[in-house]
C-alpha atoms as a PDB file:
ATOM      1  CA  GLN A   1     -14.123 -13.609 -25.252  1.00  0.00           C
ATOM      2  CA  VAL A   2     -14.279 -10.141 -23.761  1.00  0.00           C
ATOM      3  CA  GLN A   3     -11.173  -7.997 -23.435  1.00  0.00           C
ATOM      4  CA  LEU A   4     -10.826  -5.151 -20.932  1.00  0.00           C
ATOM      5  CA  VAL A   5      -8.320  -2.328 -21.229  1.00  0.00           C
ATOM      6  CA  GLU A   6      -7.701   0.192 -18.444  1.00  0.00           C
ATOM      7  CA  SER A   7      -6.243   3.654 -18.836  1.00  0.00           C
ATOM      8  CA  GLY A   8      -5.800   6.836 -16.853  1.00  0.00           C
ATOM      9  CA  GLY A   9      -3.316   5.793 -14.206  1.00  0.00           C
ATOM     10  CA  GLY A  10      -0.264   7.810 -13.337  1.00  0.00           C
ATOM     11  CA  LEU A  11       1.661   9.673 -10.682  1.00  0.00           C
ATOM     12  CA  VAL A  12      -0.206  12.231  -8.617  1.00  0.00           C
ATOM     13  CA  GLN A  13       0.450  14.208  -5.451  1.00  0.00           C
ATOM     14  CA  ALA A  14      -1.519  13.458  -2.303  1.00  0.00           C
ATOM     15  CA  GLY A  15      -4.819  15.286  -2.399  1.00  0.00           C
ATOM     16  CA  GLY A  16      -4.991  15.165  -6.166  1.00  0.00           C
ATOM     17  CA  SER A  17      -7.356  13.375  -8.506  1.00  0.00           C
ATOM     18  CA  LEU A  18      -7.275  10.797 -11.287  1.00  0.00           C
ATOM     19  CA  ARG A  19      -9.942   9.311 -13.511  1.00  0.00           C
ATOM     20  CA  LEU A  20      -9.564   5.706 -14.636  1.00  0.00           C
ATOM     21  CA  SER A  21     -11.315   4.299 -17.690  1.00  0.00           C
ATOM     22  CA  CYS A  22     -12.108   0.726 -18.681  1.00  0.00           C
ATOM     23  CA  ALA A  23     -13.139  -0.235 -22.203  1.00  0.00           C
ATOM     24  CA  ALA A  24     -14.647  -3.634 -22.987  1.00  0.00           C
ATOM     25  CA  SER A  25     -14.555  -5.204 -26.434  1.00  0.00           C
ATOM     26  CA  GLY A  26     -14.847  -8.589 -28.107  1.00  0.00           C
ATOM     27  CA  SER A  27     -17.587 -11.003 -29.058  1.00  0.00           C
ATOM     28  CA  ILE A  28     -21.263 -10.392 -28.559  1.00  0.00           C
ATOM     29  CA  PHE A  29     -21.837 -10.255 -24.814  1.00  0.00           C
ATOM     30  CA  ILE A  30     -23.818  -8.807 -21.936  1.00  0.00           C
ATOM     31  CA  ILE A  31     -22.016  -7.380 -18.926  1.00  0.00           C
ATOM     32  CA  ASN A  32     -23.763  -7.514 -15.600  1.00  0.00           C
ATOM     33  CA  ASN A  33     -21.657  -6.081 -12.760  1.00  0.00           C
ATOM     34  CA  MET A  34     -18.516  -4.064 -13.428  1.00  0.00           C
ATOM     35  CA  GLY A  35     -15.970  -3.208 -10.804  1.00  0.00           C
ATOM     36  CA  TRP A  36     -12.559  -1.912  -9.929  1.00  0.00           C
ATOM     37  CA  PHE A  37     -10.054  -3.837  -7.845  1.00  0.00           C
ATOM     38  CA  ARG A  38      -6.587  -2.858  -6.722  1.00  0.00           C
ATOM     39  CA  GLN A  39      -3.472  -4.621  -5.534  1.00  0.00           C
ATOM     40  CA  ALA A  40      -0.577  -2.986  -3.721  1.00  0.00           C
ATOM     41  CA  PRO A  41       2.866  -4.635  -3.519  1.00  0.00           C
ATOM     42  CA  GLY A  42       2.799  -7.501  -1.045  1.00  0.00           C
ATOM     43  CA  LYS A  43      -0.923  -7.074  -0.461  1.00  0.00           C
ATOM     44  CA  GLN A  44      -4.011  -9.053  -1.391  1.00  0.00           C
ATOM     45  CA  ARG A  45      -6.164  -7.828  -4.239  1.00  0.00           C
ATOM     46  CA  GLU A  46      -9.164  -5.953  -2.869  1.00  0.00           C
ATOM     47  CA  LEU A  47     -12.450  -4.700  -4.196  1.00  0.00           C
ATOM     48  CA  VAL A  48     -12.560  -0.931  -4.560  1.00  0.00           C
ATOM     49  CA  ALA A  49     -15.974  -0.330  -6.107  1.00  0.00           C
ATOM     50  CA  VAL A  50     -18.667  -2.173  -8.030  1.00  0.00           C
ATOM     51  CA  VAL A  51     -21.623  -1.030 -10.097  1.00  0.00           C
ATOM     52  CA  THR A  52     -24.525  -3.087 -11.419  1.00  0.00           C
ATOM     53  CA  ARG A  53     -25.972  -2.742 -14.895  1.00  0.00           C
ATOM     54  CA  GLY A  54     -28.792  -0.773 -13.298  1.00  0.00           C
ATOM     55  CA  GLY A  55     -26.397   1.668 -11.653  1.00  0.00           C
ATOM     56  CA  ILE A  56     -26.377   0.447  -8.053  1.00  0.00           C
ATOM     57  CA  THR A  57     -22.951   1.058  -6.506  1.00  0.00           C
ATOM     58  CA  ASN A  58     -20.964  -0.220  -3.565  1.00  0.00           C
ATOM     59  CA  TYR A  59     -17.586   0.910  -2.240  1.00  0.00           C
ATOM     60  CA  ALA A  60     -14.852  -0.247   0.047  1.00  0.00           C
ATOM     61  CA  ASP A  61     -14.933   1.651   3.327  1.00  0.00           C
ATOM     62  CA  SER A  62     -11.455   3.017   2.676  1.00  0.00           C
ATOM     63  CA  VAL A  63     -12.543   4.889  -0.463  1.00  0.00           C
ATOM     64  CA  LYS A  64     -16.137   5.776   0.351  1.00  0.00           C
ATOM     65  CA  GLY A  65     -16.744   9.472  -0.115  1.00  0.00           C
ATOM     66  CA  ARG A  66     -13.585   9.913  -2.183  1.00  0.00           C
ATOM     67  CA  PHE A  67     -14.077   7.605  -5.186  1.00  0.00           C
ATOM     68  CA  ALA A  68     -17.009   7.329  -7.572  1.00  0.00           C
ATOM     69  CA  ILE A  69     -17.657   4.503 -10.010  1.00  0.00           C
ATOM     70  CA  SER A  70     -19.808   4.930 -13.092  1.00  0.00           C
ATOM     71  CA  ARG A  71     -20.532   3.109 -16.338  1.00  0.00           C
ATOM     72  CA  ASP A  72     -21.786   3.677 -19.846  1.00  0.00           C
ATOM     73  CA  ASN A  73     -23.721   0.600 -20.935  1.00  0.00           C
ATOM     74  CA  ALA A  74     -23.943   1.718 -24.563  1.00  0.00           C
ATOM     75  CA  LYS A  75     -20.156   1.990 -24.752  1.00  0.00           C
ATOM     76  CA  ASN A  76     -19.436  -1.018 -22.519  1.00  0.00           C
ATOM     77  CA  ALA A  77     -17.212   1.204 -20.436  1.00  0.00           C
ATOM     78  CA  ALA A  78     -16.629   1.839 -16.751  1.00  0.00           C
ATOM     79  CA  TYR A  79     -14.924   4.686 -14.956  1.00  0.00           C
ATOM     80  CA  LEU A  80     -13.454   5.387 -11.550  1.00  0.00           C
ATOM     81  CA  GLN A  81     -13.153   8.994 -10.433  1.00  0.00           C
ATOM     82  CA  MET A  82     -10.625   9.175  -7.613  1.00  0.00           C
ATOM     83  CA  ASN A  83     -10.451  12.328  -5.513  1.00  0.00           C
ATOM     84  CA  SER A  84      -8.497  13.268  -2.394  1.00  0.00           C
ATOM     85  CA  LEU A  85      -5.958  10.591  -3.203  1.00  0.00           C
ATOM     86  CA  GLU A  86      -3.739   9.293  -0.430  1.00  0.00           C
ATOM     87  CA  PRO A  87      -0.422   7.417  -0.515  1.00  0.00           C
ATOM     88  CA  ASP A  88      -2.278   4.294   0.662  1.00  0.00           C
ATOM     89  CA  ASP A  89      -4.213   4.385  -2.613  1.00  0.00           C
ATOM     90  CA  THR A  90      -1.019   3.487  -4.470  1.00  0.00           C
ATOM     91  CA  ALA A  91      -1.643   0.204  -6.291  1.00  0.00           C
ATOM     92  CA  VAL A  92      -2.274  -1.413  -9.633  1.00  0.00           C
ATOM     93  CA  TYR A  93      -5.935  -0.922 -10.446  1.00  0.00           C
ATOM     94  CA  PHE A  94      -7.770  -3.636 -12.374  1.00  0.00           C
ATOM     95  CA  CYS A  95     -11.078  -3.443 -14.190  1.00  0.00           C
ATOM     96  CA  ASN A  96     -13.440  -6.380 -13.768  1.00  0.00           C
ATOM     97  CA  ALA A  97     -16.557  -7.341 -15.697  1.00  0.00           C
ATOM     98  CA  ARG A  98     -19.038 -10.103 -14.946  1.00  0.00           C
ATOM     99  CA  VAL A  99     -19.907 -11.334 -18.437  1.00  0.00           C
ATOM    100  CA  ALA A 100     -23.085 -13.289 -19.139  1.00  0.00           C
ATOM    101  CA  VAL A 101     -22.601 -15.784 -21.979  1.00  0.00           C
ATOM    102  CA  ALA A 102     -25.781 -17.790 -21.441  1.00  0.00           C
ATOM    103  CA  LEU A 103     -28.709 -17.949 -19.076  1.00  0.00           C
ATOM    104  CA  GLY A 104     -27.245 -18.656 -15.666  1.00  0.00           C
ATOM    105  CA  ARG A 105     -23.695 -18.830 -17.008  1.00  0.00           C
ATOM    106  CA  GLU A 106     -21.167 -16.060 -16.337  1.00  0.00           C
ATOM    107  CA  TYR A 107     -17.443 -15.512 -16.172  1.00  0.00           C
ATOM    108  CA  ASP A 108     -15.163 -12.748 -14.898  1.00  0.00           C
ATOM    109  CA  ALA A 109     -13.079 -10.780 -17.377  1.00  0.00           C
ATOM    110  CA  TRP A 110     -10.058  -8.830 -16.157  1.00  0.00           C
ATOM    111  CA  GLY A 111      -7.932  -6.050 -17.555  1.00  0.00           C
ATOM    112  CA  GLN A 112      -4.152  -5.929 -17.388  1.00  0.00           C
ATOM    113  CA  GLY A 113      -4.169  -3.134 -14.830  1.00  0.00           C
ATOM    114  CA  THR A 114      -3.040   0.461 -14.656  1.00  0.00           C
ATOM    115  CA  GLN A 115      -0.575   1.815 -12.108  1.00  0.00           C
ATOM    116  CA  VAL A 116      -1.653   4.554  -9.715  1.00  0.00           C
ATOM    117  CA  THR A 117       1.073   6.116  -7.588  1.00  0.00           C
ATOM    118  CA  VAL A 118       0.291   8.779  -4.991  1.00  0.00           C
ATOM    119  CA  SER A 119       3.238  10.686  -3.550  1.00  0.00           C
ATOM    120  CA  SER A 120       3.322  12.165  -0.054  1.00  0.00           C
END
């Protein structure tokens, strides 16, 4: 099994920046896509950004131009640089990894989440 641990969340003023980190560990594995999701109180969990093993990225419209996702395949780590933060960005941010355990067989691993709070 793969375990994911997020870090880097906190309280920041509107317009500020945070950098989230996600570290993967566990049994021998290959990670295909990695992504960041977020969930605000009373809201549905939503995709924020995703990056393939080859480095292709995609972003939610609400964060495009402000957030940047990256990964380090050698370290099995992913990052989310968040700039120009807004109060609407306040949420628990979760790291996700699509883990390949066999040819044509994958599962999603999830971290416990890290809180991001943006004050007005």
